[in-house]
């Protein structure tokens, strides 16, 4: 293990900083209407089952991708709040 490896470990341990997209997500979803919209998005995606017995497995992959998008927006909002 060399110095380059230690720098990579340090970068992995450093939390990501908020960027312009993070701040934009906070501005859009930080309003009262934005919070209502985000709550609805979460109910329609994350809080629904990703797969149900009898359906094609590819449909589960599609639904999981939708959930990941909402979770990504949520992570960006949290990063922007923790500036």
PDB file of N, CA and C in Angstrom:
ATOM      1  N   UNK A   1       0.853  -1.173   0.000  1.00  0.00           N
ATOM      2  CA  UNK A   1       0.000   0.000   0.000  1.00  0.00           C
ATOM      3  C   UNK A   1       0.897   1.235   0.000  1.00  0.00           C
ATOM      4  N   UNK A   2       0.677   2.115  -0.975  1.00  0.00           N
ATOM      5  CA  UNK A   2       1.487   3.317  -1.080  1.00  0.00           C
ATOM      6  C   UNK A   2       0.685   4.559  -0.723  1.00  0.00           C
ATOM      7  N   UNK A   3       1.332   5.723  -0.923  1.00  0.00           N
ATOM      8  CA  UNK A   3       0.673   6.994  -0.601  1.00  0.00           C
ATOM      9  C   UNK A   3      -0.576   7.224  -1.447  1.00  0.00           C
ATOM     10  N   UNK A   4      -0.529   6.777  -2.709  1.00  0.00           N
ATOM     11  CA  UNK A   4      -1.701   6.940  -3.576  1.00  0.00           C
ATOM     12  C   UNK A   4      -2.904   6.187  -3.011  1.00  0.00           C
ATOM     13  N   UNK A   5      -2.640   5.017  -2.454  1.00  0.00           N
ATOM     14  CA  UNK A   5      -3.730   4.241  -1.859  1.00  0.00           C
ATOM     15  C   UNK A   5      -4.318   4.955  -0.648  1.00  0.00           C
ATOM     16  N   UNK A   6      -3.452   5.582   0.143  1.00  0.00           N
ATOM     17  CA  UNK A   6      -3.943   6.301   1.322  1.00  0.00           C
ATOM     18  C   UNK A   6      -4.792   7.504   0.918  1.00  0.00           C
ATOM     19  N   UNK A   7      -4.415   8.177  -0.156  1.00  0.00           N
ATOM     20  CA  UNK A   7      -5.219   9.301  -0.637  1.00  0.00           C
ATOM     21  C   UNK A   7      -6.587   8.834  -1.109  1.00  0.00           C
ATOM     22  N   UNK A   8      -6.632   7.666  -1.764  1.00  0.00           N
ATOM     23  CA  UNK A   8      -7.909   7.120  -2.221  1.00  0.00           C
ATOM     24  C   UNK A   8      -8.803   6.782  -1.033  1.00  0.00           C
ATOM     25  N   UNK A   9      -8.215   6.244   0.021  1.00  0.00           N
ATOM     26  CA  UNK A   9      -8.978   5.920   1.233  1.00  0.00           C
ATOM     27  C   UNK A   9      -9.509   7.200   1.863  1.00  0.00           C
ATOM     28  N   UNK A  10      -8.682   8.240   1.924  1.00  0.00           N
ATOM     29  CA  UNK A  10      -9.100   9.516   2.499  1.00  0.00           C
ATOM     30  C   UNK A  10     -10.257  10.115   1.704  1.00  0.00           C
ATOM     31  N   UNK A  11     -10.176  10.044   0.377  1.00  0.00           N
ATOM     32  CA  UNK A  11     -11.253  10.574  -0.462  1.00  0.00           C
ATOM     33  C   UNK A  11     -12.540   9.791  -0.258  1.00  0.00           C
ATOM     34  N   UNK A  12     -12.430   8.488  -0.072  1.00  0.00           N
ATOM     35  CA  UNK A  12     -13.623   7.659   0.149  1.00  0.00           C
ATOM     36  C   UNK A  12     -14.285   7.989   1.484  1.00  0.00           C
ATOM     37  N   UNK A  13     -13.495   8.388   2.471  1.00  0.00           N
ATOM     38  CA  UNK A  13     -14.033   8.706   3.795  1.00  0.00           C
ATOM     39  C   UNK A  13     -14.593  10.120   3.882  1.00  0.00           C
ATOM     40  N   UNK A  14     -14.232  10.975   2.928  1.00  0.00           N
ATOM     41  CA  UNK A  14     -14.705  12.359   2.936  1.00  0.00           C
ATOM     42  C   UNK A  14     -16.113  12.411   2.349  1.00  0.00           C
ATOM     43  N   UNK A  15     -17.085  12.955   3.096  1.00  0.00           N
ATOM     44  CA  UNK A  15     -18.444  13.024   2.552  1.00  0.00           C
ATOM     45  C   UNK A  15     -18.490  13.940   1.336  1.00  0.00           C
ATOM     46  N   UNK A  16     -19.333  13.598   0.362  1.00  0.00           N
ATOM     47  CA  UNK A  16     -19.406  14.443  -0.838  1.00  0.00           C
ATOM     48  C   UNK A  16     -19.949  15.823  -0.505  1.00  0.00           C
ATOM     49  N   UNK A  17     -19.442  16.820  -1.210  1.00  0.00           N
ATOM     50  CA  UNK A  17     -19.894  18.192  -0.993  1.00  0.00           C
ATOM     51  C   UNK A  17     -21.091  18.476  -1.895  1.00  0.00           C
ATOM     52  N   UNK A  18     -21.926  19.379  -1.435  1.00  0.00           N
ATOM     53  CA  UNK A  18     -23.090  19.762  -2.224  1.00  0.00           C
ATOM     54  C   UNK A  18     -22.635  20.495  -3.483  1.00  0.00           C
ATOM     55  N   UNK A  19     -23.303  20.221  -4.579  1.00  0.00           N
ATOM     56  CA  UNK A  19     -23.009  20.928  -5.812  1.00  0.00           C
ATOM     57  C   UNK A  19     -24.265  21.662  -6.280  1.00  0.00           C
ATOM     58  N   UNK A  20     -24.204  22.237  -7.457  1.00  0.00           N
ATOM     59  CA  UNK A  20     -25.321  23.040  -7.958  1.00  0.00           C
ATOM     60  C   UNK A  20     -26.615  22.237  -8.073  1.00  0.00           C
ATOM     61  N   UNK A  21     -26.520  20.976  -8.496  1.00  0.00           N
ATOM     62  CA  UNK A  21     -27.723  20.149  -8.633  1.00  0.00           C
ATOM     63  C   UNK A  21     -28.324  19.862  -7.261  1.00  0.00           C
ATOM     64  N   UNK A  22     -27.471  19.638  -6.261  1.00  0.00           N
ATOM     65  CA  UNK A  22     -27.964  19.419  -4.896  1.00  0.00           C
ATOM     66  C   UNK A  22     -28.742  20.645  -4.422  1.00  0.00           C
ATOM     67  N   UNK A  23     -28.172  21.815  -4.632  1.00  0.00           N
ATOM     68  CA  UNK A  23     -28.827  23.054  -4.207  1.00  0.00           C
ATOM     69  C   UNK A  23     -30.126  23.290  -4.972  1.00  0.00           C
ATOM     70  N   UNK A  24     -30.131  22.941  -6.250  1.00  0.00           N
ATOM     71  CA  UNK A  24     -31.351  23.070  -7.043  1.00  0.00           C
ATOM     72  C   UNK A  24     -32.445  22.152  -6.505  1.00  0.00           C
ATOM     73  N   UNK A  25     -32.097  20.914  -6.181  1.00  0.00           N
ATOM     74  CA  UNK A  25     -33.081  19.982  -5.607  1.00  0.00           C
ATOM     75  C   UNK A  25     -33.649  20.544  -4.310  1.00  0.00           C
ATOM     76  N   UNK A  26     -32.798  21.132  -3.487  1.00  0.00           N
ATOM     77  CA  UNK A  26     -33.275  21.713  -2.231  1.00  0.00           C
ATOM     78  C   UNK A  26     -34.212  22.882  -2.499  1.00  0.00           C
ATOM     79  N   UNK A  27     -33.875  23.735  -3.458  1.00  0.00           N
ATOM     80  CA  UNK A  27     -34.750  24.877  -3.774  1.00  0.00           C
ATOM     81  C   UNK A  27     -36.104  24.412  -4.299  1.00  0.00           C
ATOM     82  N   UNK A  28     -36.099  23.417  -5.166  1.00  0.00           N
ATOM     83  CA  UNK A  28     -37.348  22.942  -5.769  1.00  0.00           C
ATOM     84  C   UNK A  28     -38.208  22.201  -4.748  1.00  0.00           C
ATOM     85  N   UNK A  29     -37.596  21.289  -4.015  1.00  0.00           N
ATOM     86  CA  UNK A  29     -38.364  20.454  -3.094  1.00  0.00           C
ATOM     87  C   UNK A  29     -38.390  21.010  -1.670  1.00  0.00           C
ATOM     88  N   UNK A  30     -37.752  22.149  -1.444  1.00  0.00           N
ATOM     89  CA  UNK A  30     -37.731  22.747  -0.110  1.00  0.00           C
ATOM     90  C   UNK A  30     -38.945  23.606   0.189  1.00  0.00           C
ATOM     91  N   UNK A  31     -39.716  23.925  -0.835  1.00  0.00           N
ATOM     92  CA  UNK A  31     -40.920  24.724  -0.626  1.00  0.00           C
ATOM     93  C   UNK A  31     -42.045  23.823  -0.111  1.00  0.00           C
ATOM     94  N   UNK A  32     -43.117  24.435   0.327  1.00  0.00           N
ATOM     95  CA  UNK A  32     -44.261  23.653   0.816  1.00  0.00           C
ATOM     96  C   UNK A  32     -44.827  22.772  -0.299  1.00  0.00           C
ATOM     97  N   UNK A  33     -44.994  23.351  -1.494  1.00  0.00           N
ATOM     98  CA  UNK A  33     -45.489  22.565  -2.620  1.00  0.00           C
ATOM     99  C   UNK A  33     -44.492  21.486  -3.035  1.00  0.00           C
ATOM    100  N   UNK A  34     -43.221  21.823  -3.000  1.00  0.00           N
ATOM    101  CA  UNK A  34     -42.188  20.853  -3.344  1.00  0.00           C
ATOM    102  C   UNK A  34     -42.171  19.675  -2.387  1.00  0.00           C
ATOM    103  N   UNK A  35     -42.374  19.936  -1.105  1.00  0.00           N
ATOM    104  CA  UNK A  35     -42.419  18.858  -0.114  1.00  0.00           C
ATOM    105  C   UNK A  35     -43.621  17.955  -0.352  1.00  0.00           C
ATOM    106  N   UNK A  36     -44.755  18.552  -0.724  1.00  0.00           N
ATOM    107  CA  UNK A  36     -45.946  17.749  -1.041  1.00  0.00           C
ATOM    108  C   UNK A  36     -45.676  16.862  -2.257  1.00  0.00           C
ATOM    109  N   UNK A  37     -45.045  17.443  -3.276  1.00  0.00           N
ATOM    110  CA  UNK A  37     -44.721  16.687  -4.477  1.00  0.00           C
ATOM    111  C   UNK A  37     -43.747  15.561  -4.166  1.00  0.00           C
ATOM    112  N   UNK A  38     -42.716  15.850  -3.371  1.00  0.00           N
ATOM    113  CA  UNK A  38     -41.731  14.823  -3.054  1.00  0.00           C
ATOM    114  C   UNK A  38     -42.363  13.704  -2.223  1.00  0.00           C
ATOM    115  N   UNK A  39     -43.251  14.055  -1.311  1.00  0.00           N
ATOM    116  CA  UNK A  39     -43.967  13.047  -0.512  1.00  0.00           C
ATOM    117  C   UNK A  39     -44.757  12.124  -1.438  1.00  0.00           C
ATOM    118  N   UNK A  40     -45.441  12.712  -2.430  1.00  0.00           N
ATOM    119  CA  UNK A  40     -46.202  11.910  -3.393  1.00  0.00           C
ATOM    120  C   UNK A  40     -45.271  11.016  -4.212  1.00  0.00           C
ATOM    121  N   UNK A  41     -44.143  11.552  -4.695  1.00  0.00           N
ATOM    122  CA  UNK A  41     -43.180  10.749  -5.449  1.00  0.00           C
ATOM    123  C   UNK A  41     -42.699   9.563  -4.629  1.00  0.00           C
ATOM    124  N   UNK A  42     -42.406   9.819  -3.368  1.00  0.00           N
ATOM    125  CA  UNK A  42     -41.926   8.756  -2.478  1.00  0.00           C
ATOM    126  C   UNK A  42     -43.000   7.688  -2.272  1.00  0.00           C
ATOM    127  N   UNK A  43     -44.243   8.123  -2.088  1.00  0.00           N
ATOM    128  CA  UNK A  43     -45.345   7.168  -1.908  1.00  0.00           C
ATOM    129  C   UNK A  43     -45.542   6.306  -3.154  1.00  0.00           C
ATOM    130  N   UNK A  44     -45.353   6.895  -4.328  1.00  0.00           N
ATOM    131  CA  UNK A  44     -45.565   6.183  -5.585  1.00  0.00           C
ATOM    132  C   UNK A  44     -44.410   5.264  -5.963  1.00  0.00           C
ATOM    133  N   UNK A  45     -43.249   5.451  -5.354  1.00  0.00           N
ATOM    134  CA  UNK A  45     -42.070   4.683  -5.763  1.00  0.00           C
ATOM    135  C   UNK A  45     -41.471   3.892  -4.606  1.00  0.00           C
ATOM    136  N   UNK A  46     -40.838   4.567  -3.686  1.00  0.00           N
ATOM    137  CA  UNK A  46     -40.076   3.919  -2.623  1.00  0.00           C
ATOM    138  C   UNK A  46     -40.976   3.089  -1.710  1.00  0.00           C
ATOM    139  N   UNK A  47     -42.162   3.584  -1.437  1.00  0.00           N
ATOM    140  CA  UNK A  47     -43.046   2.898  -0.491  1.00  0.00           C
ATOM    141  C   UNK A  47     -43.935   1.843  -1.152  1.00  0.00           C
ATOM    142  N   UNK A  48     -43.656   1.526  -2.400  1.00  0.00           N
ATOM    143  CA  UNK A  48     -44.378   0.471  -3.110  1.00  0.00           C
ATOM    144  C   UNK A  48     -43.452  -0.735  -3.276  1.00  0.00           C
ATOM    145  N   UNK A  49     -44.014  -1.935  -3.380  1.00  0.00           N
ATOM    146  CA  UNK A  49     -43.147  -3.105  -3.599  1.00  0.00           C
ATOM    147  C   UNK A  49     -42.444  -3.016  -4.949  1.00  0.00           C
ATOM    148  N   UNK A  50     -41.204  -3.459  -4.977  1.00  0.00           N
ATOM    149  CA  UNK A  50     -40.434  -3.427  -6.226  1.00  0.00           C
ATOM    150  C   UNK A  50     -40.803  -4.580  -7.145  1.00  0.00           C
ATOM    151  N   UNK A  51     -41.357  -5.604  -6.584  1.00  0.00           N
ATOM    152  CA  UNK A  51     -41.689  -6.775  -7.378  1.00  0.00           C
ATOM    153  C   UNK A  51     -42.817  -7.516  -6.701  1.00  0.00           C
ATOM    154  N   UNK A  52     -43.696  -8.072  -7.476  1.00  0.00           N
ATOM    155  CA  UNK A  52     -44.770  -8.900  -6.926  1.00  0.00           C
ATOM    156  C   UNK A  52     -44.701 -10.265  -7.586  1.00  0.00           C
ATOM    157  N   UNK A  53     -45.017 -11.315  -6.843  1.00  0.00           N
ATOM    158  CA  UNK A  53     -44.970 -12.663  -7.416  1.00  0.00           C
ATOM    159  C   UNK A  53     -45.847 -12.763  -8.671  1.00  0.00           C
ATOM    160  N   UNK A  54     -45.326 -13.443  -9.652  1.00  0.00           N
ATOM    161  CA  UNK A  54     -46.061 -13.649 -10.893  1.00  0.00           C
ATOM    162  C   UNK A  54     -45.733 -12.647 -11.986  1.00  0.00           C
ATOM    163  N   UNK A  55     -45.055 -11.565 -11.642  1.00  0.00           N
ATOM    164  CA  UNK A  55     -44.685 -10.588 -12.671  1.00  0.00           C
ATOM    165  C   UNK A  55     -43.282 -10.892 -13.172  1.00  0.00           C
ATOM    166  N   UNK A  56     -42.992 -10.400 -14.342  1.00  0.00           N
ATOM    167  CA  UNK A  56     -41.674 -10.590 -14.943  1.00  0.00           C
ATOM    168  C   UNK A  56     -40.614  -9.886 -14.108  1.00  0.00           C
ATOM    169  N   UNK A  57     -39.468 -10.511 -13.946  1.00  0.00           N
ATOM    170  CA  UNK A  57     -38.389  -9.943 -13.129  1.00  0.00           C
ATOM    171  C   UNK A  57     -37.917  -8.595 -13.662  1.00  0.00           C
ATOM    172  N   UNK A  58     -37.985  -8.399 -14.971  1.00  0.00           N
ATOM    173  CA  UNK A  58     -37.522  -7.135 -15.539  1.00  0.00           C
ATOM    174  C   UNK A  58     -38.366  -5.960 -15.042  1.00  0.00           C
ATOM    175  N   UNK A  59     -39.615  -6.203 -14.711  1.00  0.00           N
ATOM    176  CA  UNK A  59     -40.464  -5.148 -14.173  1.00  0.00           C
ATOM    177  C   UNK A  59     -39.939  -4.701 -12.799  1.00  0.00           C
ATOM    178  N   UNK A  60     -39.420  -5.645 -12.024  1.00  0.00           N
ATOM    179  CA  UNK A  60     -38.814  -5.314 -10.738  1.00  0.00           C
ATOM    180  C   UNK A  60     -37.593  -4.429 -10.899  1.00  0.00           C
ATOM    181  N   UNK A  61     -36.802  -4.680 -11.923  1.00  0.00           N
ATOM    182  CA  UNK A  61     -35.629  -3.839 -12.188  1.00  0.00           C
ATOM    183  C   UNK A  61     -36.057  -2.427 -12.539  1.00  0.00           C
ATOM    184  N   UNK A  62     -37.107  -2.309 -13.334  1.00  0.00           N
ATOM    185  CA  UNK A  62     -37.632  -0.996 -13.706  1.00  0.00           C
ATOM    186  C   UNK A  62     -38.099  -0.235 -12.465  1.00  0.00           C
ATOM    187  N   UNK A  63     -38.884  -0.903 -11.626  1.00  0.00           N
ATOM    188  CA  UNK A  63     -39.396  -0.241 -10.425  1.00  0.00           C
ATOM    189  C   UNK A  63     -38.276   0.143  -9.472  1.00  0.00           C
ATOM    190  N   UNK A  64     -37.268  -0.703  -9.361  1.00  0.00           N
ATOM    191  CA  UNK A  64     -36.138  -0.383  -8.481  1.00  0.00           C
ATOM    192  C   UNK A  64     -35.369   0.819  -9.002  1.00  0.00           C
ATOM    193  N   UNK A  65     -35.268   0.953 -10.317  1.00  0.00           N
ATOM    194  CA  UNK A  65     -34.625   2.129 -10.896  1.00  0.00           C
ATOM    195  C   UNK A  65     -35.379   3.406 -10.571  1.00  0.00           C
ATOM    196  N   UNK A  66     -36.698   3.337 -10.605  1.00  0.00           N
ATOM    197  CA  UNK A  66     -37.516   4.500 -10.222  1.00  0.00           C
ATOM    198  C   UNK A  66     -37.256   4.874  -8.771  1.00  0.00           C
ATOM    199  N   UNK A  67     -37.200   3.883  -7.916  1.00  0.00           N
ATOM    200  CA  UNK A  67     -36.941   4.135  -6.488  1.00  0.00           C
ATOM    201  C   UNK A  67     -35.577   4.785  -6.299  1.00  0.00           C
ATOM    202  N   UNK A  68     -34.584   4.306  -7.030  1.00  0.00           N
ATOM    203  CA  UNK A  68     -33.238   4.858  -6.890  1.00  0.00           C
ATOM    204  C   UNK A  68     -33.189   6.324  -7.284  1.00  0.00           C
ATOM    205  N   UNK A  69     -33.965   6.708  -8.276  1.00  0.00           N
ATOM    206  CA  UNK A  69     -33.991   8.106  -8.693  1.00  0.00           C
ATOM    207  C   UNK A  69     -34.536   8.990  -7.569  1.00  0.00           C
ATOM    208  N   UNK A  70     -35.603   8.554  -6.921  1.00  0.00           N
ATOM    209  CA  UNK A  70     -36.176   9.322  -5.809  1.00  0.00           C
ATOM    210  C   UNK A  70     -35.194   9.367  -4.637  1.00  0.00           C
ATOM    211  N   UNK A  71     -34.524   8.252  -4.361  1.00  0.00           N
ATOM    212  CA  UNK A  71     -33.532   8.222  -3.281  1.00  0.00           C
ATOM    213  C   UNK A  71     -32.348   9.138  -3.593  1.00  0.00           C
ATOM    214  N   UNK A  72     -31.965   9.232  -4.863  1.00  0.00           N
ATOM    215  CA  UNK A  72     -30.880  10.132  -5.271  1.00  0.00           C
ATOM    216  C   UNK A  72     -31.271  11.593  -5.019  1.00  0.00           C
ATOM    217  N   UNK A  73     -32.500  11.946  -5.363  1.00  0.00           N
ATOM    218  CA  UNK A  73     -32.978  13.308  -5.106  1.00  0.00           C
ATOM    219  C   UNK A  73     -32.970  13.582  -3.608  1.00  0.00           C
ATOM    220  N   UNK A  74     -33.423  12.616  -2.828  1.00  0.00           N
ATOM    221  CA  UNK A  74     -33.448  12.769  -1.373  1.00  0.00           C
ATOM    222  C   UNK A  74     -32.037  12.960  -0.810  1.00  0.00           C
ATOM    223  N   UNK A  75     -31.077  12.207  -1.315  1.00  0.00           N
ATOM    224  CA  UNK A  75     -29.690  12.343  -0.864  1.00  0.00           C
ATOM    225  C   UNK A  75     -29.134  13.718  -1.225  1.00  0.00           C
ATOM    226  N   UNK A  76     -29.481  14.211  -2.402  1.00  0.00           N
ATOM    227  CA  UNK A  76     -29.017  15.533  -2.828  1.00  0.00           C
ATOM    228  C   UNK A  76     -29.609  16.630  -1.937  1.00  0.00           C
ATOM    229  N   UNK A  77     -30.874  16.500  -1.578  1.00  0.00           N
ATOM    230  CA  UNK A  77     -31.508  17.465  -0.679  1.00  0.00           C
ATOM    231  C   UNK A  77     -30.792  17.461   0.671  1.00  0.00           C
ATOM    232  N   UNK A  78     -30.517  16.280   1.194  1.00  0.00           N
ATOM    233  CA  UNK A  78     -29.834  16.180   2.488  1.00  0.00           C
ATOM    234  C   UNK A  78     -28.426  16.753   2.442  1.00  0.00           C
ATOM    235  N   UNK A  79     -27.708  16.516   1.328  1.00  0.00           N
ATOM    236  CA  UNK A  79     -26.356  17.075   1.195  1.00  0.00           C
ATOM    237  C   UNK A  79     -26.407  18.594   1.190  1.00  0.00           C
ATOM    238  N   UNK A  80     -27.371  19.153   0.469  1.00  0.00           N
ATOM    239  CA  UNK A  80     -27.492  20.617   0.379  1.00  0.00           C
ATOM    240  C   UNK A  80     -27.878  21.223   1.729  1.00  0.00           C
ATOM    241  N   UNK A  81     -28.677  20.510   2.511  1.00  0.00           N
ATOM    242  CA  UNK A  81     -29.073  21.010   3.839  1.00  0.00           C
ATOM    243  C   UNK A  81     -27.908  21.013   4.807  1.00  0.00           C
ATOM    244  N   UNK A  82     -26.953  20.119   4.612  1.00  0.00           N
ATOM    245  CA  UNK A  82     -25.835  19.979   5.550  1.00  0.00           C
ATOM    246  C   UNK A  82     -24.606  20.748   5.120  1.00  0.00           C
ATOM    247  N   UNK A  83     -24.794  21.878   4.462  1.00  0.00           N
ATOM    248  CA  UNK A  83     -23.651  22.709   4.051  1.00  0.00           C
ATOM    249  C   UNK A  83     -22.930  23.298   5.237  1.00  0.00           C
TER     250      UNK A  83
END
